[in-house]
C-alpha atoms as a PDB file:
ATOM      1  CA  MET A   1      -1.124  20.802 -10.003  1.00  0.00           C
ATOM      2  CA  LYS A   2      -4.084  18.645 -10.872  1.00  0.00           C
ATOM      3  CA  ILE A   3      -4.027  14.897 -10.032  1.00  0.00           C
ATOM      4  CA  LEU A   4      -6.446  12.310 -11.596  1.00  0.00           C
ATOM      5  CA  GLY A   5      -6.776   9.393  -9.331  1.00  0.00           C
ATOM      6  CA  THR A   6      -8.024   5.802  -9.698  1.00  0.00           C
ATOM      7  CA  GLY A   7      -9.115   4.338  -6.340  1.00  0.00           C
ATOM      8  CA  LEU A   8      -9.130   7.670  -4.561  1.00  0.00           C
ATOM      9  CA  THR A   9     -12.056   6.653  -2.315  1.00  0.00           C
ATOM     10  CA  GLY A  10     -10.191   3.762  -0.725  1.00  0.00           C
ATOM     11  CA  LEU A  11      -8.216   3.546   2.517  1.00  0.00           C
ATOM     12  CA  ILE A  12      -5.118   5.292   1.224  1.00  0.00           C
ATOM     13  CA  GLY A  13      -6.527   7.487  -1.487  1.00  0.00           C
ATOM     14  CA  SER A  14      -9.142   9.135   0.551  1.00  0.00           C
ATOM     15  CA  ARG A  15      -6.676  10.195   3.185  1.00  0.00           C
ATOM     16  CA  ILE A  16      -4.240  11.591   0.606  1.00  0.00           C
ATOM     17  CA  VAL A  17      -7.132  13.730  -0.733  1.00  0.00           C
ATOM     18  CA  GLU A  18      -7.972  14.902   2.789  1.00  0.00           C
ATOM     19  CA  LEU A  19      -4.525  16.015   3.530  1.00  0.00           C
ATOM     20  CA  LEU A  20      -3.375  17.373   0.208  1.00  0.00           C
ATOM     21  CA  ASN A  21      -6.533  18.855  -1.049  1.00  0.00           C
ATOM     22  CA  GLY A  22      -5.273  22.421  -0.444  1.00  0.00           C
ATOM     23  CA  ALA A  23      -2.049  21.887  -2.410  1.00  0.00           C
ATOM     24  CA  TYR A  24      -3.480  19.898  -5.261  1.00  0.00           C
ATOM     25  CA  GLU A  25      -6.673  19.706  -7.319  1.00  0.00           C
ATOM     26  CA  PHE A  26      -7.989  16.108  -7.261  1.00  0.00           C
ATOM     27  CA  GLU A  27     -10.154  14.568 -10.058  1.00  0.00           C
ATOM     28  CA  PHE A  28     -11.811  11.299  -9.077  1.00  0.00           C
ATOM     29  CA  SER A  29     -12.034   8.552 -11.591  1.00  0.00           C
ATOM     30  CA  ASP A  30     -14.574   5.745 -11.066  1.00  0.00           C
ATOM     31  CA  THR A  31     -14.014   4.465 -14.549  1.00  0.00           C
ATOM     32  CA  ASP A  32     -13.431   0.757 -14.911  1.00  0.00           C
ATOM     33  CA  ILE A  33      -9.736   0.444 -15.609  1.00  0.00           C
ATOM     34  CA  THR A  34     -10.161  -2.926 -17.286  1.00  0.00           C
ATOM     35  CA  ASP A  35     -12.157  -1.042 -20.034  1.00  0.00           C
ATOM     36  CA  LYS A  36      -9.414   0.171 -22.175  1.00  0.00           C
ATOM     37  CA  GLU A  37     -11.426   2.575 -24.162  1.00  0.00           C
ATOM     38  CA  ALA A  38     -13.287   4.048 -21.313  1.00  0.00           C
ATOM     39  CA  ILE A  39     -10.240   4.691 -19.046  1.00  0.00           C
ATOM     40  CA  GLY A  40      -8.240   5.831 -22.049  1.00  0.00           C
ATOM     41  CA  GLU A  41     -10.899   8.473 -22.801  1.00  0.00           C
ATOM     42  CA  LYS A  42     -11.126   9.503 -19.173  1.00  0.00           C
ATOM     43  CA  ILE A  43      -7.296  10.049 -18.932  1.00  0.00           C
ATOM     44  CA  ASN A  44      -6.822  11.532 -22.332  1.00  0.00           C
ATOM     45  CA  ASN A  45      -9.670  14.056 -21.834  1.00  0.00           C
ATOM     46  CA  SER A  46      -8.392  15.119 -18.319  1.00  0.00           C
ATOM     47  CA  ASN A  47      -6.264  18.215 -17.928  1.00  0.00           C
ATOM     48  CA  ALA A  48      -4.537  16.555 -14.951  1.00  0.00           C
ATOM     49  CA  SER A  49      -0.725  16.393 -15.309  1.00  0.00           C
ATOM     50  CA  VAL A  50      -0.415  13.385 -12.891  1.00  0.00           C
ATOM     51  CA  VAL A  51      -2.381  10.127 -12.635  1.00  0.00           C
ATOM     52  CA  LEU A  52      -2.198   8.482  -9.112  1.00  0.00           C
ATOM     53  CA  HIS A  53      -3.100   4.801  -9.780  1.00  0.00           C
ATOM     54  CA  LEU A  54      -4.381   3.205  -6.583  1.00  0.00           C
ATOM     55  CA  ALA A  55      -7.187   1.013  -8.044  1.00  0.00           C
ATOM     56  CA  ALA A  56      -6.336  -2.722  -7.524  1.00  0.00           C
ATOM     57  CA  LYS A  57      -7.559  -5.987  -6.297  1.00  0.00           C
ATOM     58  CA  THR A  58      -5.708  -6.256  -3.031  1.00  0.00           C
ATOM     59  CA  ASP A  59      -7.320  -9.154  -1.103  1.00  0.00           C
ATOM     60  CA  VAL A  60      -4.370 -11.543  -0.989  1.00  0.00           C
ATOM     61  CA  ASP A  61      -6.474 -14.724  -0.347  1.00  0.00           C
ATOM     62  CA  GLY A  62      -9.069 -13.591  -2.822  1.00  0.00           C
ATOM     63  CA  CYS A  63      -6.463 -13.068  -5.546  1.00  0.00           C
ATOM     64  CA  GLU A  64      -4.993 -16.532  -4.876  1.00  0.00           C
ATOM     65  CA  LYS A  65      -8.354 -17.987  -5.814  1.00  0.00           C
ATOM     66  CA  ASP A  66      -7.930 -16.407  -9.163  1.00  0.00           C
ATOM     67  CA  THR A  67      -4.665 -18.202  -9.903  1.00  0.00           C
ATOM     68  CA  ALA A  68      -6.264 -21.060 -11.906  1.00  0.00           C
ATOM     69  CA  LEU A  69      -8.039 -18.562 -14.086  1.00  0.00           C
ATOM     70  CA  GLY A  70      -4.744 -16.884 -15.017  1.00  0.00           C
ATOM     71  CA  VAL A  71      -5.159 -13.859 -17.348  1.00  0.00           C
ATOM     72  CA  ASN A  72      -8.893 -14.341 -17.231  1.00  0.00           C
ATOM     73  CA  GLY A  73      -9.235 -13.862 -13.460  1.00  0.00           C
ATOM     74  CA  ASP A  74     -10.043 -10.600 -11.821  1.00  0.00           C
ATOM     75  CA  ALA A  75      -6.595 -10.171 -10.158  1.00  0.00           C
ATOM     76  CA  TRP A  76      -4.829 -10.232 -13.507  1.00  0.00           C
ATOM     77  CA  ARG A  77      -7.550  -8.209 -15.435  1.00  0.00           C
ATOM     78  CA  ILE A  78      -7.462  -5.397 -12.786  1.00  0.00           C
ATOM     79  CA  ASN A  79      -3.895  -5.418 -11.462  1.00  0.00           C
ATOM     80  CA  VAL A  80      -2.187  -6.130 -14.836  1.00  0.00           C
ATOM     81  CA  GLU A  81      -4.486  -5.326 -17.787  1.00  0.00           C
ATOM     82  CA  GLY A  82      -5.915  -2.397 -15.903  1.00  0.00           C
ATOM     83  CA  THR A  83      -2.447  -0.991 -15.168  1.00  0.00           C
ATOM     84  CA  LYS A  84      -1.482  -1.414 -18.784  1.00  0.00           C
ATOM     85  CA  ASN A  85      -4.527   0.501 -19.924  1.00  0.00           C
ATOM     86  CA  VAL A  86      -3.791   3.355 -17.434  1.00  0.00           C
ATOM     87  CA  ALA A  87      -0.047   3.409 -18.475  1.00  0.00           C
ATOM     88  CA  GLU A  88      -0.847   3.508 -22.153  1.00  0.00           C
ATOM     89  CA  ALA A  89      -3.285   6.329 -21.733  1.00  0.00           C
ATOM     90  CA  CYS A  90      -0.765   8.260 -19.669  1.00  0.00           C
ATOM     91  CA  GLU A  91       1.849   7.706 -22.372  1.00  0.00           C
ATOM     92  CA  LYS A  92      -0.529   8.892 -25.042  1.00  0.00           C
ATOM     93  CA  SER A  93      -1.506  12.049 -23.115  1.00  0.00           C
ATOM     94  CA  ASN A  94       1.941  12.723 -21.617  1.00  0.00           C
ATOM     95  CA  LYS A  95       1.042  12.375 -17.966  1.00  0.00           C
ATOM     96  CA  LYS A  96       3.189  11.467 -15.028  1.00  0.00           C
ATOM     97  CA  LEU A  97       2.102   8.116 -13.541  1.00  0.00           C
ATOM     98  CA  ILE A  98       2.386   7.097  -9.841  1.00  0.00           C
ATOM     99  CA  TYR A  99       1.824   3.416  -9.599  1.00  0.00           C
ATOM    100  CA  ILE A 100       1.043   2.011  -6.104  1.00  0.00           C
ATOM    101  CA  SER A 101       2.686  -1.299  -5.499  1.00  0.00           C
ATOM    102  CA  THR A 102       3.457  -3.443  -2.379  1.00  0.00           C
ATOM    103  CA  ASP A 103       6.115  -4.919  -0.257  1.00  0.00           C
ATOM    104  CA  PHE A 104       4.683  -8.339  -1.119  1.00  0.00           C
ATOM    105  CA  VAL A 105       6.582  -8.233  -4.412  1.00  0.00           C
ATOM    106  CA  PHE A 106       9.544  -9.634  -2.324  1.00  0.00           C
ATOM    107  CA  ASP A 107       9.764 -13.304  -1.235  1.00  0.00           C
ATOM    108  CA  GLY A 108      10.576 -12.532   2.349  1.00  0.00           C
ATOM    109  CA  GLU A 109      13.644 -14.796   2.339  1.00  0.00           C
ATOM    110  CA  LYS A 110      16.312 -12.123   2.716  1.00  0.00           C
ATOM    111  CA  GLU A 111      17.895 -11.916   6.221  1.00  0.00           C
ATOM    112  CA  SER A 112      18.518  -8.194   5.938  1.00  0.00           C
ATOM    113  CA  GLU A 113      16.436  -5.343   4.870  1.00  0.00           C
ATOM    114  CA  TYR A 114      15.004  -4.946   1.322  1.00  0.00           C
ATOM    115  CA  SER A 115      15.955  -1.929  -0.755  1.00  0.00           C
ATOM    116  CA  GLU A 116      14.652  -0.532  -3.976  1.00  0.00           C
ATOM    117  CA  GLU A 117      17.644  -2.269  -5.713  1.00  0.00           C
ATOM    118  CA  ASP A 118      16.526  -5.764  -4.633  1.00  0.00           C
ATOM    119  CA  LYS A 119      14.946  -7.913  -7.254  1.00  0.00           C
ATOM    120  CA  PRO A 120      11.319  -8.915  -6.586  1.00  0.00           C
ATOM    121  CA  ASN A 121      10.375 -12.594  -6.349  1.00  0.00           C
ATOM    122  CA  PRO A 122       6.566 -12.788  -5.678  1.00  0.00           C
ATOM    123  CA  VAL A 123       5.332 -15.879  -3.833  1.00  0.00           C
ATOM    124  CA  ASN A 124       1.559 -15.414  -4.277  1.00  0.00           C
ATOM    125  CA  TRP A 125      -0.750 -14.433  -7.144  1.00  0.00           C
ATOM    126  CA  TYR A 126      -1.625 -10.969  -5.777  1.00  0.00           C
ATOM    127  CA  ALA A 127       2.129 -10.040  -5.558  1.00  0.00           C
ATOM    128  CA  LYS A 128       2.754 -11.605  -8.941  1.00  0.00           C
ATOM    129  CA  THR A 129       0.038  -9.435 -10.570  1.00  0.00           C
ATOM    130  CA  LYS A 130       1.375  -6.355  -8.759  1.00  0.00           C
ATOM    131  CA  TYR A 131       4.897  -6.967 -10.008  1.00  0.00           C
ATOM    132  CA  GLU A 132       3.739  -7.438 -13.513  1.00  0.00           C
ATOM    133  CA  GLY A 133       2.065  -4.015 -13.161  1.00  0.00           C
ATOM    134  CA  GLU A 134       5.443  -2.707 -12.003  1.00  0.00           C
ATOM    135  CA  LYS A 135       7.090  -4.144 -15.107  1.00  0.00           C
ATOM    136  CA  ILE A 136       4.565  -2.530 -17.386  1.00  0.00           C
ATOM    137  CA  VAL A 137       5.242   0.887 -15.786  1.00  0.00           C
ATOM    138  CA  GLN A 138       9.003   0.534 -15.926  1.00  0.00           C
ATOM    139  CA  SER A 139       8.989  -0.516 -19.616  1.00  0.00           C
ATOM    140  CA  SER A 140       7.006   2.489 -20.692  1.00  0.00           C
ATOM    141  CA  ASN A 141       8.269   5.818 -21.834  1.00  0.00           C
ATOM    142  CA  LEU A 142       6.422   7.588 -19.016  1.00  0.00           C
ATOM    143  CA  ASN A 143       7.706   9.917 -16.350  1.00  0.00           C
ATOM    144  CA  TRP A 144       6.861   7.364 -13.604  1.00  0.00           C
ATOM    145  CA  ILE A 145       7.012   6.582  -9.884  1.00  0.00           C
ATOM    146  CA  ILE A 146       6.540   3.195  -8.423  1.00  0.00           C
ATOM    147  CA  ALA A 147       5.615   3.560  -4.728  1.00  0.00           C
ATOM    148  CA  ARG A 148       5.839   0.370  -2.694  1.00  0.00           C
ATOM    149  CA  LEU A 149       3.757   0.559   0.465  1.00  0.00           C
ATOM    150  CA  ALA A 150       3.526  -1.829   3.458  1.00  0.00           C
ATOM    151  CA  TYR A 151       0.778  -2.395   6.050  1.00  0.00           C
ATOM    152  CA  PRO A 152      -0.893   1.017   5.907  1.00  0.00           C
ATOM    153  CA  TYR A 153      -2.958   2.270   8.821  1.00  0.00           C
ATOM    154  CA  ARG A 154      -4.814   5.417   9.780  1.00  0.00           C
ATOM    155  CA  ALA A 155      -7.103   6.877  12.480  1.00  0.00           C
ATOM    156  CA  ASN A 156     -10.504   6.538  10.696  1.00  0.00           C
ATOM    157  CA  PHE A 157     -12.010   4.870   7.677  1.00  0.00           C
ATOM    158  CA  GLN A 158     -15.180   2.665   7.085  1.00  0.00           C
ATOM    159  CA  ARG A 159     -13.004  -0.294   6.294  1.00  0.00           C
ATOM    160  CA  LYS A 160     -10.640  -1.379   9.085  1.00  0.00           C
ATOM    161  CA  ASP A 161      -6.903  -1.625   8.597  1.00  0.00           C
ATOM    162  CA  PHE A 162      -4.818  -4.028  10.647  1.00  0.00           C
ATOM    163  CA  VAL A 163      -4.286  -1.547  13.491  1.00  0.00           C
ATOM    164  CA  ARG A 164      -8.042  -0.545  13.930  1.00  0.00           C
ATOM    165  CA  ASN A 165      -8.996  -4.215  13.558  1.00  0.00           C
ATOM    166  CA  LEU A 166      -6.793  -5.041  16.545  1.00  0.00           C
ATOM    167  CA  ILE A 167      -8.166  -2.055  18.535  1.00  0.00           C
ATOM    168  CA  HIS A 168     -11.564  -3.378  17.807  1.00  0.00           C
ATOM    169  CA  PHE A 169     -10.707  -6.777  19.310  1.00  0.00           C
ATOM    170  CA  PHE A 170      -9.093  -5.153  22.295  1.00  0.00           C
ATOM    171  CA  LYS A 171     -12.101  -2.949  22.998  1.00  0.00           C
ATOM    172  CA  ASN A 172     -14.464  -5.958  22.770  1.00  0.00           C
ATOM    173  CA  LYS A 173     -12.130  -7.906  25.063  1.00  0.00           C
ATOM    174  CA  GLU A 174     -11.652 -10.614  22.483  1.00  0.00           C
ATOM    175  CA  SER A 175      -8.424 -12.613  22.498  1.00  0.00           C
ATOM    176  CA  LEU A 176      -5.937 -12.011  19.674  1.00  0.00           C
ATOM    177  CA  SER A 177      -3.787 -14.771  18.143  1.00  0.00           C
ATOM    178  CA  MET A 178      -0.753 -12.953  16.918  1.00  0.00           C
ATOM    179  CA  VAL A 179       2.098 -14.278  14.789  1.00  0.00           C
ATOM    180  CA  THR A 180       5.539 -14.093  16.360  1.00  0.00           C
ATOM    181  CA  ASP A 181       7.752 -15.277  13.389  1.00  0.00           C
ATOM    182  CA  HIS A 182       6.668 -12.767  10.670  1.00  0.00           C
ATOM    183  CA  ILE A 183       8.330  -9.377  10.175  1.00  0.00           C
ATOM    184  CA  MET A 184       6.445  -6.383   8.732  1.00  0.00           C
ATOM    185  CA  THR A 185       6.974  -2.689   8.199  1.00  0.00           C
ATOM    186  CA  PRO A 186       3.794  -0.838   9.200  1.00  0.00           C
ATOM    187  CA  THR A 187       3.290   2.619   7.578  1.00  0.00           C
ATOM    188  CA  PHE A 188       1.241   5.598   8.886  1.00  0.00           C
ATOM    189  CA  ILE A 189      -0.877   6.754   5.870  1.00  0.00           C
ATOM    190  CA  ASP A 190      -0.507  10.410   6.687  1.00  0.00           C
ATOM    191  CA  ASP A 191       3.216  10.006   6.109  1.00  0.00           C
ATOM    192  CA  ILE A 192       2.535   8.437   2.693  1.00  0.00           C
ATOM    193  CA  ALA A 193       0.578  11.513   1.687  1.00  0.00           C
ATOM    194  CA  PHE A 194       3.265  13.937   2.693  1.00  0.00           C
ATOM    195  CA  ALA A 195       5.905  11.755   0.912  1.00  0.00           C
ATOM    196  CA  PHE A 196       3.922  11.964  -2.321  1.00  0.00           C
ATOM    197  CA  ASP A 197       3.811  15.654  -1.949  1.00  0.00           C
ATOM    198  CA  LYS A 198       7.600  15.842  -1.647  1.00  0.00           C
ATOM    199  CA  LEU A 199       8.170  13.466  -4.563  1.00  0.00           C
ATOM    200  CA  LEU A 200       5.808  15.455  -6.803  1.00  0.00           C
ATOM    201  CA  LYS A 201       7.398  18.829  -5.882  1.00  0.00           C
ATOM    202  CA  ASN A 202      10.835  17.354  -6.687  1.00  0.00           C
ATOM    203  CA  ASP A 203       9.512  15.739  -9.871  1.00  0.00           C
ATOM    204  CA  GLU A 204      11.174  12.511  -8.817  1.00  0.00           C
ATOM    205  CA  LYS A 205      11.173   9.356 -10.924  1.00  0.00           C
ATOM    206  CA  GLY A 206      11.860   5.786  -9.996  1.00  0.00           C
ATOM    207  CA  ILE A 207      11.024   3.196  -7.381  1.00  0.00           C
ATOM    208  CA  PHE A 208      10.448   4.327  -3.876  1.00  0.00           C
ATOM    209  CA  HIS A 209       9.790   2.473  -0.652  1.00  0.00           C
ATOM    210  CA  ILE A 210       7.269   4.638   1.156  1.00  0.00           C
ATOM    211  CA  VAL A 211       7.158   2.701   4.493  1.00  0.00           C
ATOM    212  CA  GLY A 212       7.503   3.283   8.168  1.00  0.00           C
ATOM    213  CA  ASN A 213      10.552   3.290  10.338  1.00  0.00           C
ATOM    214  CA  SER A 214       9.877   0.050  12.340  1.00  0.00           C
ATOM    215  CA  PHE A 215      10.435  -3.671  11.558  1.00  0.00           C
ATOM    216  CA  ILE A 216       8.169  -5.647  13.886  1.00  0.00           C
ATOM    217  CA  SER A 217       6.237  -8.852  14.233  1.00  0.00           C
ATOM    218  CA  PRO A 218       2.352  -8.819  14.397  1.00  0.00           C
ATOM    219  CA  TYR A 219       2.832  -9.993  18.033  1.00  0.00           C
ATOM    220  CA  GLU A 220       5.042  -7.022  18.843  1.00  0.00           C
ATOM    221  CA  ALA A 221       2.573  -4.701  17.040  1.00  0.00           C
ATOM    222  CA  ALA A 222      -0.284  -5.925  19.151  1.00  0.00           C
ATOM    223  CA  MET A 223       1.831  -5.477  22.274  1.00  0.00           C
ATOM    224  CA  LYS A 224       2.578  -1.872  21.253  1.00  0.00           C
ATOM    225  CA  ILE A 225      -1.029  -1.098  20.508  1.00  0.00           C
ATOM    226  CA  ALA A 226      -2.013  -2.397  24.011  1.00  0.00           C
ATOM    227  CA  GLU A 227       0.716  -0.220  25.485  1.00  0.00           C
ATOM    228  CA  VAL A 228      -0.097   2.924  23.703  1.00  0.00           C
ATOM    229  CA  PHE A 229      -3.992   2.641  24.106  1.00  0.00           C
ATOM    230  CA  ASN A 230      -3.837   1.099  27.553  1.00  0.00           C
ATOM    231  CA  PHE A 231      -5.412  -2.238  26.600  1.00  0.00           C
ATOM    232  CA  ASP A 232      -5.060  -5.553  28.500  1.00  0.00           C
ATOM    233  CA  LYS A 233      -2.052  -7.405  27.203  1.00  0.00           C
ATOM    234  CA  VAL A 234      -3.467 -10.638  28.693  1.00  0.00           C
ATOM    235  CA  LEU A 235      -5.743 -10.753  25.579  1.00  0.00           C
ATOM    236  CA  ILE A 236      -2.738 -11.322  23.369  1.00  0.00           C
ATOM    237  CA  GLU A 237      -1.916 -15.013  22.563  1.00  0.00           C
ATOM    238  CA  THR A 238       0.889 -16.203  20.277  1.00  0.00           C
ATOM    239  CA  THR A 239       0.820 -18.341  17.154  1.00  0.00           C
ATOM    240  CA  THR A 240       3.239 -19.142  14.309  1.00  0.00           C
ATOM    241  CA  ARG A 241       2.838 -18.187  10.719  1.00  0.00           C
ATOM    242  CA  LYS A 242       2.583 -21.988   9.781  1.00  0.00           C
ATOM    243  CA  ASP A 243      -0.553 -22.224  11.820  1.00  0.00           C
ATOM    244  CA  PHE A 244      -2.019 -18.808  11.340  1.00  0.00           C
ATOM    245  CA  PHE A 245      -1.799 -18.914   7.493  1.00  0.00           C
ATOM    246  CA  LYS A 246      -2.662 -22.532   7.058  1.00  0.00           C
ATOM    247  CA  TYR A 247      -4.857 -23.095   3.951  1.00  0.00           C
ATOM    248  CA  ARG A 248      -4.328 -19.535   2.903  1.00  0.00           C
ATOM    249  CA  ALA A 249      -2.266 -17.852   0.178  1.00  0.00           C
ATOM    250  CA  PRO A 250       1.518 -18.137   0.647  1.00  0.00           C
ATOM    251  CA  ARG A 251       3.112 -15.073   2.451  1.00  0.00           C
ATOM    252  CA  PRO A 252       6.506 -13.580   2.333  1.00  0.00           C
ATOM    253  CA  PHE A 253       7.380 -13.598   6.062  1.00  0.00           C
ATOM    254  CA  ARG A 254      10.424 -11.407   6.441  1.00  0.00           C
ATOM    255  CA  LEU A 255       9.422  -7.995   5.036  1.00  0.00           C
ATOM    256  CA  ALA A 256      11.858  -5.547   6.661  1.00  0.00           C
ATOM    257  CA  ILE A 257      11.629  -2.635   3.997  1.00  0.00           C
ATOM    258  CA  LYS A 258      14.276   0.056   3.919  1.00  0.00           C
ATOM    259  CA  ASN A 259      13.239   3.686   3.345  1.00  0.00           C
ATOM    260  CA  ASP A 260      16.746   5.148   3.086  1.00  0.00           C
ATOM    261  CA  LYS A 261      16.120   6.476  -0.397  1.00  0.00           C
ATOM    262  CA  ILE A 262      13.217   8.717   0.655  1.00  0.00           C
ATOM    263  CA  GLN A 263      14.977   9.793   3.850  1.00  0.00           C
ATOM    264  CA  LYS A 264      17.767  11.208   1.690  1.00  0.00           C
ATOM    265  CA  LEU A 265      15.100  13.405   0.047  1.00  0.00           C
ATOM    266  CA  GLY A 266      14.144  14.808   3.472  1.00  0.00           C
ATOM    267  CA  ILE A 267      11.025  12.630   3.899  1.00  0.00           C
ATOM    268  CA  LYS A 268      10.642  11.483   7.475  1.00  0.00           C
ATOM    269  CA  MET A 269       8.447   8.447   8.230  1.00  0.00           C
ATOM    270  CA  LYS A 270       7.238   7.558  11.721  1.00  0.00           C
ATOM    271  CA  THR A 271       8.141   4.577  13.805  1.00  0.00           C
ATOM    272  CA  PHE A 272       5.153   2.339  14.665  1.00  0.00           C
ATOM    273  CA  GLU A 273       4.897   3.818  18.223  1.00  0.00           C
ATOM    274  CA  GLU A 274       4.995   7.365  16.770  1.00  0.00           C
ATOM    275  CA  GLY A 275       2.259   6.531  14.315  1.00  0.00           C
ATOM    276  CA  LEU A 276       0.117   4.917  16.962  1.00  0.00           C
ATOM    277  CA  ARG A 277       0.372   7.887  19.293  1.00  0.00           C
ATOM    278  CA  LYS A 278      -0.538  10.221  16.397  1.00  0.00           C
ATOM    279  CA  ILE A 279      -3.698   8.184  15.468  1.00  0.00           C
ATOM    280  CA  LYS A 280      -4.600   8.066  19.175  1.00  0.00           C
ATOM    281  CA  ASP A 281      -4.711  11.837  19.256  1.00  0.00           C
ATOM    282  CA  GLN A 282      -6.618  11.948  16.051  1.00  0.00           C
ATOM    283  CA  ILE A 283      -9.169   9.310  17.175  1.00  0.00           C
ATOM    284  CA  ALA A 284      -9.790  11.437  20.346  1.00  0.00           C
ATOM    285  CA  LEU A 285     -10.725  14.292  18.151  1.00  0.00           C
ATOM    286  CA  LEU A 286     -13.311  12.365  16.098  1.00  0.00           C
END
């Protein structure tokens, strides 16, 4: 199977290629997805049967600055119009589309875990644009998958994810101010790759939460990283979401995301500790 990917050189896409390159042929697209004619031509002329759409503007605070610009801002142009261009080209050329979305589409107000059946209610502009992208995909006549991811991390990449950013602070003996009243669902990127493999082989369609098996606070995450990598926990200080995110884009603060749906398909996702121990082993081999 051949997969055409947008954003395949990023944090998630590059690892998917590394792990699945033997099972799939990947075609990289660096075409501007906001250029309808160019991305349409790229997708229509490709003999790939699947388009993996990862390209997006993902900087939450950066996207929030685009709010006043509305449909003329980069966040909307890339995440909404770009996704519309990709979806229409896939429809025209009869390709399956995997659209990468985010746990941030939820408002974080629910006391229990979020499932794929829960209705999104974005609280910031980034999440709003990603949800608009979801709606475009769902309203199409495509064979589609919407994959919601949450706090992805891996062993090595030029841009740091939240885990390697904390490891960097620990190694430099810098104090960490960690939020205690926010819940997240960290996800080991290697597991995301293998989940996609299973979904493609099963020719699944629909919304899937491809997330890890732990619901934890950033403070608990830092404590677990210190424990697994033998760092000094004295460096960890506590703060609240109110103080930490002051003057920044609104955040959904309780994002416990269920992955029962993919588990029923035989897809096993790691707990945060399991993922950390895995990347510790991988880092040792670098």
